Each structure stands twice: as structure tokens, then as C-alpha cells.
Amino acid sequence: MQPFVGALALLGLTAALVCAVYAVSAFTALPGTPAAAPYLSGGLPVEHAVSRYHVRWYVITLVFLAFDMEMVFMYPWALVVTSVGPKAVVEMFAFLALLMVGVLYAWREGAFRWA
């Protein structure tokens, strides 16, 4: 239990800070302000904030995350490719080929069609 004391103390401090922020927000809110009003735009909301999106946007988001993760792995690879040698180049091209298979699958399924 001894190694986890610091982590538990940090977790408790974070929870207390979140509760304090909510309490200050509740006490300092102006009376009569609607909680669902838009923030700084001045217009009335047209639909609920948790309205549904078309499923196409979820697929596009997953494709974006795949390419985002590609960049996360490519930057450290670019730093060590010269010290590791040809093995690193082969592994990166295998990784890129796997991502290309995912892109081709998304293309075949029509994820990139806008109409």
C-alpha cells in the first residue's frame, strides 16, 4: 500500500479541486441564467447538444485517428532510423502497408463519399 499513497493523495486532491470548482460555480452563478444557453454566441440553441450525427462522421474520425497515430509512431522512428538500420525501415513500411489496407477498406466501404 505504501507505493500507492502518493497516487491516492493526488487522486483525492484532484477530486477535492473538482468539487471546489463546481461549488464556486454554483454559488457565483447569476440567478435566472439558463444552463443550456450557448456560450458566447448569442443565439438560441437549435438542437440539443447531444444530438445525433450521421454514422459517416464516426468512420471519418476513425480514419483520422489512424493517420494521427501514424504520425505519433513516425516521429520517434525518424529519430532512431539511422541508428537501427534497415530493419527499422522495413518495419515502418510494414506499418504503413497495414495502414494502407485500412484506408483501402474504408474507401471500398464508401467512407470517403460525401453524398
C-alpha atoms as a PDB file:
ATOM      1  CA  MET A   1       0.000   0.000   0.000  1.00  0.00           C
ATOM      2  CA  GLN A   2       2.949   2.304   0.616  1.00  0.00           C
ATOM      3  CA  PRO A   3       3.820   2.946  -3.070  1.00  0.00           C
ATOM      4  CA  PHE A   4       0.230   3.978  -3.833  1.00  0.00           C
ATOM      5  CA  VAL A   5      -0.077   6.616  -1.110  1.00  0.00           C
ATOM      6  CA  GLY A   6       1.175   9.404  -3.368  1.00  0.00           C
ATOM      7  CA  ALA A   7      -1.125   8.409  -6.222  1.00  0.00           C
ATOM      8  CA  LEU A   8      -4.126   8.157  -3.905  1.00  0.00           C
ATOM      9  CA  ALA A   9      -3.313  11.525  -2.357  1.00  0.00           C
ATOM     10  CA  LEU A  10      -3.095  13.086  -5.825  1.00  0.00           C
ATOM     11  CA  LEU A  11      -6.398  11.477  -6.801  1.00  0.00           C
ATOM     12  CA  GLY A  12      -8.055  12.797  -3.632  1.00  0.00           C
ATOM     13  CA  LEU A  13      -6.628  16.276  -4.197  1.00  0.00           C
ATOM     14  CA  THR A  14      -7.899  16.273  -7.774  1.00  0.00           C
ATOM     15  CA  ALA A  15     -11.386  15.174  -6.680  1.00  0.00           C
ATOM     16  CA  ALA A  16     -11.450  17.881  -3.991  1.00  0.00           C
ATOM     17  CA  LEU A  17     -10.363  20.503  -6.531  1.00  0.00           C
ATOM     18  CA  VAL A  18     -13.103  19.457  -8.983  1.00  0.00           C
ATOM     19  CA  CYS A  19     -15.721  19.593  -6.209  1.00  0.00           C
ATOM     20  CA  ALA A  20     -14.459  23.031  -5.155  1.00  0.00           C
ATOM     21  CA  VAL A  21     -14.721  24.365  -8.716  1.00  0.00           C
ATOM     22  CA  TYR A  22     -18.289  23.062  -9.011  1.00  0.00           C
ATOM     23  CA  ALA A  23     -19.194  24.604  -5.645  1.00  0.00           C
ATOM     24  CA  VAL A  24     -17.738  28.003  -6.592  1.00  0.00           C
ATOM     25  CA  SER A  25     -19.573  27.830  -9.925  1.00  0.00           C
ATOM     26  CA  ALA A  26     -22.877  27.026  -8.214  1.00  0.00           C
ATOM     27  CA  PHE A  27     -22.527  29.871  -5.705  1.00  0.00           C
ATOM     28  CA  THR A  28     -21.364  32.514  -8.184  1.00  0.00           C
ATOM     29  CA  ALA A  29     -23.858  31.787 -10.995  1.00  0.00           C
ATOM     30  CA  LEU A  30     -26.202  34.633 -11.717  1.00  0.00           C
ATOM     31  CA  PRO A  31     -29.826  33.860 -10.892  1.00  0.00           C
ATOM     32  CA  GLY A  32     -32.046  33.224 -13.869  1.00  0.00           C
ATOM     33  CA  THR A  33     -29.275  32.350 -16.330  1.00  0.00           C
ATOM     34  CA  PRO A  34     -30.250  29.308 -18.363  1.00  0.00           C
ATOM     35  CA  ALA A  35     -27.838  26.441 -18.003  1.00  0.00           C
ATOM     36  CA  ALA A  36     -28.387  25.247 -21.576  1.00  0.00           C
ATOM     37  CA  ALA A  37     -27.725  28.594 -23.237  1.00  0.00           C
ATOM     38  CA  PRO A  38     -24.983  28.794 -25.849  1.00  0.00           C
ATOM     39  CA  TYR A  39     -21.640  30.027 -24.645  1.00  0.00           C
ATOM     40  CA  LEU A  40     -20.652  33.435 -26.059  1.00  0.00           C
ATOM     41  CA  SER A  41     -22.528  33.110 -29.327  1.00  0.00           C
ATOM     42  CA  GLY A  42     -25.718  34.992 -28.506  1.00  0.00           C
ATOM     43  CA  GLY A  43     -28.044  32.721 -30.453  1.00  0.00           C
ATOM     44  CA  LEU A  44     -30.582  30.278 -29.133  1.00  0.00           C
ATOM     45  CA  PRO A  45     -29.746  26.591 -29.446  1.00  0.00           C
ATOM     46  CA  VAL A  46     -31.390  24.941 -32.442  1.00  0.00           C
ATOM     47  CA  GLU A  47     -30.901  21.358 -31.313  1.00  0.00           C
ATOM     48  CA  HIS A  48     -29.799  19.510 -28.236  1.00  0.00           C
ATOM     49  CA  ALA A  49     -26.072  19.435 -27.503  1.00  0.00           C
ATOM     50  CA  VAL A  50     -26.036  15.642 -27.600  1.00  0.00           C
ATOM     51  CA  SER A  51     -27.859  15.384 -30.922  1.00  0.00           C
ATOM     52  CA  ARG A  52     -27.056  12.525 -33.234  1.00  0.00           C
ATOM     53  CA  TYR A  53     -24.523  12.707 -36.020  1.00  0.00           C
ATOM     54  CA  HIS A  54     -24.521  10.677 -39.193  1.00  0.00           C
ATOM     55  CA  VAL A  55     -22.524   7.474 -38.851  1.00  0.00           C
ATOM     56  CA  ARG A  56     -20.256   8.651 -41.707  1.00  0.00           C
ATOM     57  CA  TRP A  57     -18.572  11.126 -39.341  1.00  0.00           C
ATOM     58  CA  TYR A  58     -17.564   8.354 -36.962  1.00  0.00           C
ATOM     59  CA  VAL A  59     -15.839   6.444 -39.755  1.00  0.00           C
ATOM     60  CA  ILE A  60     -14.017   9.581 -40.905  1.00  0.00           C
ATOM     61  CA  THR A  61     -12.961  10.193 -37.310  1.00  0.00           C
ATOM     62  CA  LEU A  62     -11.505   6.691 -37.064  1.00  0.00           C
ATOM     63  CA  VAL A  63      -9.569   7.191 -40.304  1.00  0.00           C
ATOM     64  CA  PHE A  64      -8.250  10.492 -38.969  1.00  0.00           C
ATOM     65  CA  LEU A  65      -7.172   8.812 -35.728  1.00  0.00           C
ATOM     66  CA  ALA A  66      -5.370   6.117 -37.709  1.00  0.00           C
ATOM     67  CA  PHE A  67      -3.329   8.764 -39.519  1.00  0.00           C
ATOM     68  CA  ASP A  68      -2.817  10.660 -36.298  1.00  0.00           C
ATOM     69  CA  MET A  69      -1.364   7.538 -34.687  1.00  0.00           C
ATOM     70  CA  GLU A  70       0.811   7.096 -37.750  1.00  0.00           C
ATOM     71  CA  MET A  71       2.448  10.434 -37.019  1.00  0.00           C
ATOM     72  CA  VAL A  72       2.832   9.544 -33.337  1.00  0.00           C
ATOM     73  CA  PHE A  73       4.846   6.482 -34.350  1.00  0.00           C
ATOM     74  CA  MET A  74       6.721   8.091 -37.234  1.00  0.00           C
ATOM     75  CA  TYR A  75       8.352  10.904 -35.276  1.00  0.00           C
ATOM     76  CA  PRO A  76      10.326   8.681 -32.857  1.00  0.00           C
ATOM     77  CA  TRP A  77      11.084   6.353 -35.758  1.00  0.00           C
ATOM     78  CA  ALA A  78      12.624   9.249 -37.705  1.00  0.00           C
ATOM     79  CA  LEU A  79      14.889   9.984 -34.760  1.00  0.00           C
ATOM     80  CA  VAL A  80      16.298   6.459 -34.465  1.00  0.00           C
ATOM     81  CA  VAL A  81      16.133   5.125 -38.031  1.00  0.00           C
ATOM     82  CA  THR A  82      19.814   5.773 -38.727  1.00  0.00           C
ATOM     83  CA  SER A  83      20.984   4.014 -35.578  1.00  0.00           C
ATOM     84  CA  VAL A  84      18.715   0.972 -36.017  1.00  0.00           C
ATOM     85  CA  GLY A  85      19.341   0.485 -39.722  1.00  0.00           C
ATOM     86  CA  PRO A  86      17.402  -1.286 -42.477  1.00  0.00           C
ATOM     87  CA  LYS A  87      15.294  -3.265 -40.003  1.00  0.00           C
ATOM     88  CA  ALA A  88      13.578  -0.050 -38.897  1.00  0.00           C
ATOM     89  CA  VAL A  89      12.824   0.906 -42.493  1.00  0.00           C
ATOM     90  CA  VAL A  90      11.259  -2.483 -43.208  1.00  0.00           C
ATOM     91  CA  GLU A  91       9.166  -2.321 -40.035  1.00  0.00           C
ATOM     92  CA  MET A  92       7.903   1.185 -40.848  1.00  0.00           C
ATOM     93  CA  PHE A  93       6.928   0.200 -44.367  1.00  0.00           C
ATOM     94  CA  ALA A  94       5.088  -2.831 -42.972  1.00  0.00           C
ATOM     95  CA  PHE A  95       3.251  -0.495 -40.589  1.00  0.00           C
ATOM     96  CA  LEU A  96       2.390   1.886 -43.429  1.00  0.00           C
ATOM     97  CA  ALA A  97       1.190  -1.041 -45.544  1.00  0.00           C
ATOM     98  CA  LEU A  98      -1.119  -2.085 -42.726  1.00  0.00           C
ATOM     99  CA  LEU A  99      -2.499   1.444 -42.526  1.00  0.00           C
ATOM    100  CA  MET A 100      -2.954   1.473 -46.306  1.00  0.00           C
ATOM    101  CA  VAL A 101      -5.011  -1.708 -46.067  1.00  0.00           C
ATOM    102  CA  GLY A 102      -7.259   0.106 -43.583  1.00  0.00           C
ATOM    103  CA  VAL A 103      -7.588   3.104 -45.901  1.00  0.00           C
ATOM    104  CA  LEU A 104      -8.411   0.886 -48.872  1.00  0.00           C
ATOM    105  CA  TYR A 105     -11.055  -0.890 -46.794  1.00  0.00           C
ATOM    106  CA  ALA A 106     -12.597   2.432 -45.743  1.00  0.00           C
ATOM    107  CA  TRP A 107     -12.528   3.593 -49.364  1.00  0.00           C
ATOM    108  CA  ARG A 108     -14.192   0.378 -50.538  1.00  0.00           C
ATOM    109  CA  GLU A 109     -16.898   0.780 -47.901  1.00  0.00           C
ATOM    110  CA  GLY A 110     -17.584   4.329 -49.099  1.00  0.00           C
ATOM    111  CA  ALA A 111     -16.281   6.219 -46.075  1.00  0.00           C
ATOM    112  CA  PHE A 112     -14.854   8.983 -48.250  1.00  0.00           C
ATOM    113  CA  ARG A 113     -18.030   9.631 -50.281  1.00  0.00           C
ATOM    114  CA  TRP A 114     -19.680  12.869 -49.194  1.00  0.00           C
ATOM    115  CA  ALA A 115     -23.043  12.443 -50.874  1.00  0.00           C
END
